[in-house]
């Protein structure tokens, strides 16, 4: 639950902040932008939980996040980056459930035409999620003692 909660909070903020880099978002009514960002956030949370679950299966422990090794964090991040790269590639070409385009202000990963900001989201936010979850669970453990 902690992973899901922090994934939702962090990703929603990121989605709102990166919205101006996508075509049409500045012209949309506020409620429509909020709805689009919420939908993306739910998808982000699902990706985060999937990545968390894959690592948990690989290490055979749901509590891997409390004392994760570098390779576990790398796998956690790599899963999110990989899924996002595929979705961004498909969506910007009209092959995804929804499609979108970047404004010229969106930096692109060279040779891919994939937005850098959505990929950075999956480097920064999983690591922040791990930090927040560890902090939250450590605080709960202290309070219980």
N, C-alpha and C. Protein backbone atom coordinates (compact mmCIF):
# COMPACT_ATOMS: atom_id res chain seq x y z
N UNK A 1 0.82 -1.20 0.00
CA UNK A 1 0.00 0.00 0.00
C UNK A 1 0.86 1.26 0.00
N UNK A 2 1.99 1.20 0.72
CA UNK A 2 2.86 2.38 0.76
C UNK A 2 3.41 2.71 -0.62
N UNK A 3 3.80 1.69 -1.36
CA UNK A 3 4.32 1.94 -2.71
C UNK A 3 3.23 2.58 -3.57
N UNK A 4 2.02 2.06 -3.50
CA UNK A 4 0.92 2.62 -4.29
C UNK A 4 0.62 4.06 -3.89
N UNK A 5 0.58 4.33 -2.60
CA UNK A 5 0.27 5.69 -2.13
C UNK A 5 1.30 6.70 -2.61
N UNK A 6 2.57 6.39 -2.42
CA UNK A 6 3.60 7.33 -2.84
C UNK A 6 3.70 7.41 -4.37
N UNK A 7 3.46 6.29 -5.05
CA UNK A 7 3.47 6.32 -6.52
C UNK A 7 2.38 7.26 -7.03
N UNK A 8 1.19 7.19 -6.43
CA UNK A 8 0.10 8.06 -6.87
C UNK A 8 0.43 9.53 -6.60
N UNK A 9 0.88 9.83 -5.42
CA UNK A 9 1.17 11.23 -5.07
C UNK A 9 2.30 11.82 -5.93
N UNK A 10 3.39 11.10 -6.04
CA UNK A 10 4.54 11.62 -6.78
C UNK A 10 4.26 11.72 -8.28
N UNK A 11 3.61 10.70 -8.82
CA UNK A 11 3.35 10.71 -10.26
C UNK A 11 2.32 11.75 -10.66
N UNK A 12 1.33 12.01 -9.81
CA UNK A 12 0.36 13.04 -10.15
C UNK A 12 1.05 14.40 -10.25
N UNK A 13 1.89 14.70 -9.27
CA UNK A 13 2.63 15.96 -9.32
C UNK A 13 3.48 16.04 -10.59
N UNK A 14 4.17 14.96 -10.93
CA UNK A 14 5.01 14.94 -12.13
C UNK A 14 4.16 15.14 -13.39
N UNK A 15 3.04 14.45 -13.46
CA UNK A 15 2.17 14.56 -14.63
C UNK A 15 1.69 16.00 -14.83
N UNK A 16 1.30 16.65 -13.74
CA UNK A 16 0.85 18.05 -13.83
C UNK A 16 2.00 18.94 -14.30
N UNK A 17 3.19 18.72 -13.75
CA UNK A 17 4.34 19.56 -14.11
C UNK A 17 4.80 19.36 -15.55
N UNK A 18 4.67 18.14 -16.07
CA UNK A 18 5.13 17.91 -17.44
C UNK A 18 4.03 18.17 -18.48
N UNK A 19 2.81 18.39 -18.06
CA UNK A 19 1.69 18.61 -18.98
C UNK A 19 1.97 19.70 -20.01
N UNK A 20 2.60 20.82 -19.65
CA UNK A 20 2.85 21.87 -20.65
C UNK A 20 3.78 21.45 -21.80
N UNK A 21 4.39 20.28 -21.70
CA UNK A 21 5.28 19.80 -22.76
C UNK A 21 4.54 18.99 -23.83
N UNK A 22 3.22 18.83 -23.65
CA UNK A 22 2.42 18.03 -24.57
C UNK A 22 1.46 18.93 -25.36
N UNK A 23 1.27 18.60 -26.61
CA UNK A 23 0.40 19.37 -27.50
C UNK A 23 -1.03 19.38 -26.93
N UNK A 24 -1.61 20.57 -26.89
CA UNK A 24 -3.00 20.73 -26.53
C UNK A 24 -3.29 20.90 -25.05
N UNK A 25 -2.37 20.57 -24.19
CA UNK A 25 -2.65 20.62 -22.75
C UNK A 25 -2.88 22.05 -22.27
N UNK A 26 -2.17 23.01 -22.81
CA UNK A 26 -2.31 24.41 -22.37
C UNK A 26 -3.68 24.97 -22.76
N UNK A 27 -4.27 24.45 -23.82
CA UNK A 27 -5.55 24.96 -24.29
C UNK A 27 -6.75 24.25 -23.65
N UNK A 28 -6.52 23.10 -23.05
CA UNK A 28 -7.63 22.33 -22.46
C UNK A 28 -8.16 23.00 -21.21
N UNK A 29 -9.45 22.80 -20.93
CA UNK A 29 -9.99 23.27 -19.64
C UNK A 29 -9.28 22.56 -18.49
N UNK A 30 -9.19 23.25 -17.37
CA UNK A 30 -8.48 22.73 -16.20
C UNK A 30 -8.97 21.33 -15.80
N UNK A 31 -10.28 21.14 -15.78
CA UNK A 31 -10.84 19.84 -15.37
C UNK A 31 -10.40 18.73 -16.32
N UNK A 32 -10.29 19.03 -17.58
CA UNK A 32 -9.88 18.03 -18.57
C UNK A 32 -8.40 17.67 -18.40
N UNK A 33 -7.57 18.67 -18.12
CA UNK A 33 -6.15 18.41 -17.87
C UNK A 33 -5.99 17.57 -16.61
N UNK A 34 -6.74 17.93 -15.57
CA UNK A 34 -6.68 17.18 -14.31
C UNK A 34 -7.09 15.73 -14.55
N UNK A 35 -8.16 15.52 -15.31
CA UNK A 35 -8.62 14.16 -15.61
C UNK A 35 -7.55 13.38 -16.38
N UNK A 36 -6.96 14.00 -17.38
CA UNK A 36 -5.91 13.33 -18.17
C UNK A 36 -4.71 12.98 -17.30
N UNK A 37 -4.34 13.90 -16.42
CA UNK A 37 -3.20 13.64 -15.54
C UNK A 37 -3.52 12.55 -14.51
N UNK A 38 -4.76 12.53 -14.03
CA UNK A 38 -5.17 11.46 -13.11
C UNK A 38 -5.15 10.10 -13.79
N UNK A 39 -5.62 10.04 -15.03
CA UNK A 39 -5.60 8.78 -15.76
C UNK A 39 -4.16 8.30 -15.96
N UNK A 40 -3.28 9.21 -16.33
CA UNK A 40 -1.88 8.85 -16.51
C UNK A 40 -1.27 8.41 -15.18
N UNK A 41 -1.66 9.07 -14.10
CA UNK A 41 -1.14 8.74 -12.77
C UNK A 41 -1.53 7.32 -12.36
N UNK A 42 -2.76 6.94 -12.63
CA UNK A 42 -3.20 5.58 -12.30
C UNK A 42 -2.36 4.57 -13.10
N UNK A 43 -2.15 4.85 -14.37
CA UNK A 43 -1.28 3.99 -15.18
C UNK A 43 0.13 3.93 -14.61
N UNK A 44 0.64 5.08 -14.19
CA UNK A 44 1.98 5.12 -13.59
C UNK A 44 2.05 4.27 -12.32
N UNK A 45 1.01 4.36 -11.51
CA UNK A 45 0.98 3.57 -10.26
C UNK A 45 0.96 2.08 -10.58
N UNK A 46 0.21 1.71 -11.60
CA UNK A 46 0.17 0.30 -12.01
C UNK A 46 1.56 -0.16 -12.46
N UNK A 47 2.24 0.66 -13.25
CA UNK A 47 3.60 0.33 -13.69
C UNK A 47 4.52 0.19 -12.47
N UNK A 48 4.41 1.12 -11.52
CA UNK A 48 5.25 1.09 -10.33
C UNK A 48 5.00 -0.19 -9.53
N UNK A 49 3.73 -0.55 -9.36
CA UNK A 49 3.41 -1.77 -8.61
C UNK A 49 3.87 -3.02 -9.36
N UNK A 50 3.77 -3.01 -10.67
CA UNK A 50 4.27 -4.12 -11.47
C UNK A 50 5.78 -4.27 -11.29
N UNK A 51 6.49 -3.15 -11.39
CA UNK A 51 7.95 -3.19 -11.21
C UNK A 51 8.32 -3.67 -9.81
N UNK A 52 7.61 -3.17 -8.80
CA UNK A 52 7.83 -3.61 -7.42
C UNK A 52 7.59 -5.12 -7.30
N UNK A 53 6.50 -5.59 -7.90
CA UNK A 53 6.15 -7.00 -7.83
C UNK A 53 7.17 -7.89 -8.53
N UNK A 54 7.67 -7.46 -9.67
CA UNK A 54 8.67 -8.25 -10.38
C UNK A 54 9.92 -8.39 -9.51
N UNK A 55 10.36 -7.30 -8.92
CA UNK A 55 11.55 -7.38 -8.05
C UNK A 55 11.25 -8.28 -6.86
N UNK A 56 10.07 -8.17 -6.29
CA UNK A 56 9.70 -9.02 -5.15
C UNK A 56 9.73 -10.50 -5.52
N UNK A 57 9.26 -10.83 -6.71
CA UNK A 57 9.28 -12.22 -7.17
C UNK A 57 10.73 -12.69 -7.37
N UNK A 58 11.54 -11.85 -8.00
CA UNK A 58 12.93 -12.21 -8.27
C UNK A 58 13.69 -12.46 -6.97
N UNK A 59 13.50 -11.61 -5.97
CA UNK A 59 14.25 -11.75 -4.70
C UNK A 59 13.49 -12.57 -3.67
N UNK A 60 12.26 -12.96 -4.02
CA UNK A 60 11.41 -13.78 -3.14
C UNK A 60 11.14 -13.10 -1.80
N UNK A 61 10.89 -11.80 -1.88
CA UNK A 61 10.59 -11.05 -0.66
C UNK A 61 9.84 -9.77 -1.01
N UNK A 62 8.70 -9.56 -0.35
CA UNK A 62 7.96 -8.32 -0.55
C UNK A 62 8.62 -7.16 0.19
N UNK A 63 9.49 -7.46 1.11
CA UNK A 63 10.14 -6.39 1.89
C UNK A 63 11.51 -6.01 1.33
N UNK A 64 11.78 -6.37 0.09
CA UNK A 64 13.06 -6.03 -0.53
C UNK A 64 13.33 -4.53 -0.49
N UNK A 65 12.28 -3.76 -0.51
CA UNK A 65 12.39 -2.31 -0.60
C UNK A 65 13.04 -1.70 0.64
N UNK A 66 12.98 -2.42 1.77
CA UNK A 66 13.52 -1.90 3.03
C UNK A 66 15.04 -1.92 3.07
N UNK A 67 15.63 -2.87 2.41
CA UNK A 67 17.10 -2.98 2.40
C UNK A 67 17.55 -3.41 1.02
N UNK A 68 17.14 -2.66 0.02
CA UNK A 68 17.41 -3.05 -1.36
C UNK A 68 18.87 -2.88 -1.72
N UNK A 69 19.30 -3.76 -2.58
CA UNK A 69 20.65 -3.70 -3.15
C UNK A 69 20.59 -2.88 -4.44
N UNK A 70 21.74 -2.46 -4.88
CA UNK A 70 21.81 -1.64 -6.09
C UNK A 70 21.17 -2.30 -7.29
N UNK A 71 21.39 -3.59 -7.47
CA UNK A 71 20.82 -4.27 -8.64
C UNK A 71 19.30 -4.35 -8.54
N UNK A 72 18.77 -4.43 -7.33
CA UNK A 72 17.32 -4.47 -7.15
C UNK A 72 16.70 -3.12 -7.53
N UNK A 73 17.33 -2.05 -7.08
CA UNK A 73 16.87 -0.71 -7.45
C UNK A 73 16.99 -0.50 -8.96
N UNK A 74 18.08 -0.98 -9.52
CA UNK A 74 18.28 -0.85 -10.97
C UNK A 74 17.20 -1.59 -11.75
N UNK A 75 16.86 -2.79 -11.29
CA UNK A 75 15.80 -3.55 -11.95
C UNK A 75 14.46 -2.83 -11.81
N UNK A 76 14.18 -2.32 -10.61
CA UNK A 76 12.95 -1.58 -10.33
C UNK A 76 12.82 -0.40 -11.30
N UNK A 77 13.89 0.36 -11.45
CA UNK A 77 13.90 1.52 -12.35
C UNK A 77 13.83 1.08 -13.81
N UNK A 78 14.61 0.07 -14.17
CA UNK A 78 14.67 -0.38 -15.57
C UNK A 78 13.32 -0.86 -16.08
N UNK A 79 12.56 -1.52 -15.24
CA UNK A 79 11.24 -1.99 -15.65
C UNK A 79 10.35 -0.80 -15.99
N UNK A 80 10.33 0.19 -15.12
CA UNK A 80 9.52 1.38 -15.37
C UNK A 80 9.97 2.14 -16.60
N UNK A 81 11.26 2.32 -16.76
CA UNK A 81 11.80 3.03 -17.94
C UNK A 81 11.43 2.27 -19.21
N UNK A 82 11.59 0.96 -19.19
CA UNK A 82 11.31 0.15 -20.38
C UNK A 82 9.84 0.21 -20.78
N UNK A 83 8.95 0.03 -19.80
CA UNK A 83 7.52 0.08 -20.10
C UNK A 83 7.14 1.46 -20.62
N UNK A 84 7.66 2.50 -19.98
CA UNK A 84 7.34 3.86 -20.39
C UNK A 84 7.88 4.17 -21.78
N UNK A 85 9.07 3.71 -22.09
CA UNK A 85 9.64 3.94 -23.42
C UNK A 85 8.75 3.31 -24.49
N UNK A 86 8.28 2.11 -24.24
CA UNK A 86 7.41 1.44 -25.21
C UNK A 86 6.08 2.20 -25.36
N UNK A 87 5.48 2.58 -24.23
CA UNK A 87 4.20 3.30 -24.28
C UNK A 87 4.37 4.64 -24.99
N UNK A 88 5.42 5.38 -24.66
CA UNK A 88 5.65 6.68 -25.31
C UNK A 88 5.85 6.50 -26.82
N UNK A 89 6.61 5.50 -27.20
CA UNK A 89 6.86 5.26 -28.62
C UNK A 89 5.56 4.94 -29.33
N UNK A 90 4.76 4.04 -28.74
CA UNK A 90 3.48 3.66 -29.35
C UNK A 90 2.50 4.84 -29.40
N UNK A 91 2.39 5.57 -28.29
CA UNK A 91 1.41 6.65 -28.20
C UNK A 91 1.72 7.81 -29.14
N UNK A 92 2.98 8.13 -29.30
CA UNK A 92 3.34 9.25 -30.18
C UNK A 92 3.24 8.88 -31.66
N UNK A 93 2.99 7.61 -31.92
CA UNK A 93 2.80 7.15 -33.30
C UNK A 93 1.35 6.71 -33.56
N UNK A 94 0.48 6.88 -32.54
CA UNK A 94 -0.93 6.57 -32.70
C UNK A 94 -1.29 5.10 -32.53
N UNK A 95 -0.39 4.31 -31.94
CA UNK A 95 -0.64 2.88 -31.78
C UNK A 95 -1.06 2.48 -30.37
N UNK A 96 -1.29 3.42 -29.49
CA UNK A 96 -1.64 3.14 -28.10
C UNK A 96 -3.12 3.46 -27.89
N UNK A 97 -3.67 3.10 -26.74
CA UNK A 97 -5.09 3.37 -26.43
C UNK A 97 -5.40 4.86 -26.58
N UNK A 98 -4.48 5.68 -26.15
CA UNK A 98 -4.55 7.12 -26.33
C UNK A 98 -3.31 7.52 -27.11
N UNK A 99 -3.36 8.66 -27.72
CA UNK A 99 -2.16 9.13 -28.41
C UNK A 99 -1.90 10.57 -28.00
N UNK A 100 -0.66 10.95 -28.09
CA UNK A 100 -0.28 12.31 -27.76
C UNK A 100 0.96 12.69 -28.55
N UNK A 101 1.19 13.99 -28.56
CA UNK A 101 2.36 14.53 -29.26
C UNK A 101 3.06 15.50 -28.33
N UNK A 102 4.33 15.63 -28.56
CA UNK A 102 5.14 16.55 -27.77
C UNK A 102 5.21 17.92 -28.45
N UNK A 103 5.31 18.93 -27.63
CA UNK A 103 5.63 20.26 -28.14
C UNK A 103 7.13 20.31 -28.42
N UNK A 104 7.58 21.27 -29.22
CA UNK A 104 9.02 21.40 -29.49
C UNK A 104 9.86 21.62 -28.22
N UNK A 105 9.23 22.04 -27.13
CA UNK A 105 9.96 22.27 -25.88
C UNK A 105 10.31 20.97 -25.14
N UNK A 106 9.70 19.84 -25.55
CA UNK A 106 10.01 18.56 -24.92
C UNK A 106 11.37 18.08 -25.42
N UNK A 107 12.35 17.93 -24.52
CA UNK A 107 13.62 17.36 -24.96
C UNK A 107 13.41 15.88 -25.32
N UNK A 108 14.07 15.45 -26.39
CA UNK A 108 13.93 14.07 -26.86
C UNK A 108 15.22 13.30 -26.62
N UNK A 109 15.06 12.00 -26.38
CA UNK A 109 16.22 11.11 -26.30
C UNK A 109 16.72 10.95 -27.73
N UNK A 110 17.98 11.29 -27.97
CA UNK A 110 18.50 11.25 -29.33
C UNK A 110 18.29 9.88 -30.00
N UNK A 111 17.83 9.95 -31.25
CA UNK A 111 17.65 8.76 -32.04
C UNK A 111 16.39 7.96 -31.75
N UNK A 112 15.54 8.45 -30.83
CA UNK A 112 14.35 7.69 -30.47
C UNK A 112 13.06 8.45 -30.67
N UNK A 113 13.10 9.75 -30.67
CA UNK A 113 11.91 10.60 -30.69
C UNK A 113 11.00 10.35 -29.49
N UNK A 114 11.57 9.84 -28.41
CA UNK A 114 10.84 9.62 -27.16
C UNK A 114 11.21 10.76 -26.22
N UNK A 115 10.20 11.31 -25.54
CA UNK A 115 10.42 12.41 -24.62
C UNK A 115 11.33 12.03 -23.47
N UNK A 116 12.27 12.91 -23.18
CA UNK A 116 13.20 12.67 -22.07
C UNK A 116 12.51 12.81 -20.72
N UNK A 117 11.59 13.76 -20.61
CA UNK A 117 10.94 14.02 -19.32
C UNK A 117 10.14 12.80 -18.83
N UNK A 118 9.35 12.13 -19.68
CA UNK A 118 8.66 10.93 -19.20
C UNK A 118 9.63 9.81 -18.78
N UNK A 119 10.78 9.72 -19.42
CA UNK A 119 11.75 8.70 -19.02
C UNK A 119 12.45 9.08 -17.72
N UNK A 120 12.74 10.38 -17.56
CA UNK A 120 13.33 10.84 -16.29
C UNK A 120 12.38 10.57 -15.12
N UNK A 121 11.10 10.64 -15.40
CA UNK A 121 10.09 10.34 -14.38
C UNK A 121 10.34 8.95 -13.78
N UNK A 122 10.77 8.00 -14.64
CA UNK A 122 10.96 6.63 -14.20
C UNK A 122 12.37 6.34 -13.70
N UNK A 123 13.18 7.36 -13.65
CA UNK A 123 14.46 7.26 -12.95
C UNK A 123 14.32 7.91 -11.58
N UNK A 124 13.70 9.07 -11.55
CA UNK A 124 13.58 9.85 -10.32
C UNK A 124 12.52 9.30 -9.37
N UNK A 125 11.31 9.08 -9.88
CA UNK A 125 10.20 8.74 -8.98
C UNK A 125 10.27 7.37 -8.32
N UNK A 126 10.75 6.32 -9.00
CA UNK A 126 10.90 5.06 -8.26
C UNK A 126 11.88 5.18 -7.10
N UNK A 127 12.95 5.91 -7.31
CA UNK A 127 13.93 6.08 -6.23
C UNK A 127 13.37 6.92 -5.10
N UNK A 128 12.61 7.96 -5.44
CA UNK A 128 11.94 8.75 -4.41
C UNK A 128 10.90 7.91 -3.67
N UNK A 129 10.19 7.08 -4.39
CA UNK A 129 9.20 6.20 -3.77
C UNK A 129 9.87 5.28 -2.77
N UNK A 130 10.98 4.67 -3.15
CA UNK A 130 11.72 3.80 -2.23
C UNK A 130 12.12 4.59 -0.98
N UNK A 131 12.63 5.78 -1.17
CA UNK A 131 13.06 6.60 -0.03
C UNK A 131 11.89 6.90 0.90
N UNK A 132 10.76 7.32 0.32
CA UNK A 132 9.58 7.63 1.14
C UNK A 132 9.03 6.39 1.85
N UNK A 133 8.98 5.27 1.15
CA UNK A 133 8.47 4.04 1.77
C UNK A 133 9.36 3.63 2.94
N UNK A 134 10.66 3.65 2.74
CA UNK A 134 11.58 3.30 3.83
C UNK A 134 11.38 4.23 5.02
N UNK A 135 11.28 5.50 4.73
CA UNK A 135 11.11 6.50 5.80
C UNK A 135 9.79 6.29 6.54
N UNK A 136 8.74 6.06 5.79
CA UNK A 136 7.42 5.84 6.38
C UNK A 136 7.41 4.59 7.25
N UNK A 137 7.94 3.50 6.74
CA UNK A 137 7.94 2.25 7.50
C UNK A 137 8.86 2.31 8.70
N UNK A 138 9.96 3.01 8.59
CA UNK A 138 10.85 3.18 9.74
C UNK A 138 10.15 4.00 10.83
N UNK A 139 9.43 5.03 10.43
CA UNK A 139 8.69 5.85 11.38
C UNK A 139 7.61 5.02 12.07
N UNK A 140 6.91 4.19 11.30
CA UNK A 140 5.86 3.33 11.89
C UNK A 140 6.48 2.32 12.86
N UNK A 141 7.64 1.79 12.53
CA UNK A 141 8.30 0.83 13.42
C UNK A 141 8.74 1.50 14.71
N UNK A 142 9.23 2.73 14.61
CA UNK A 142 9.62 3.48 15.82
C UNK A 142 8.41 3.79 16.69
N UNK A 143 7.33 4.16 16.07
CA UNK A 143 6.13 4.50 16.81
C UNK A 143 5.55 3.27 17.52
N UNK A 144 5.74 2.09 16.92
CA UNK A 144 5.22 0.85 17.51
C UNK A 144 6.05 0.43 18.72
N UNK A 145 7.31 0.86 18.75
CA UNK A 145 8.18 0.48 19.88
C UNK A 145 8.04 1.45 20.96
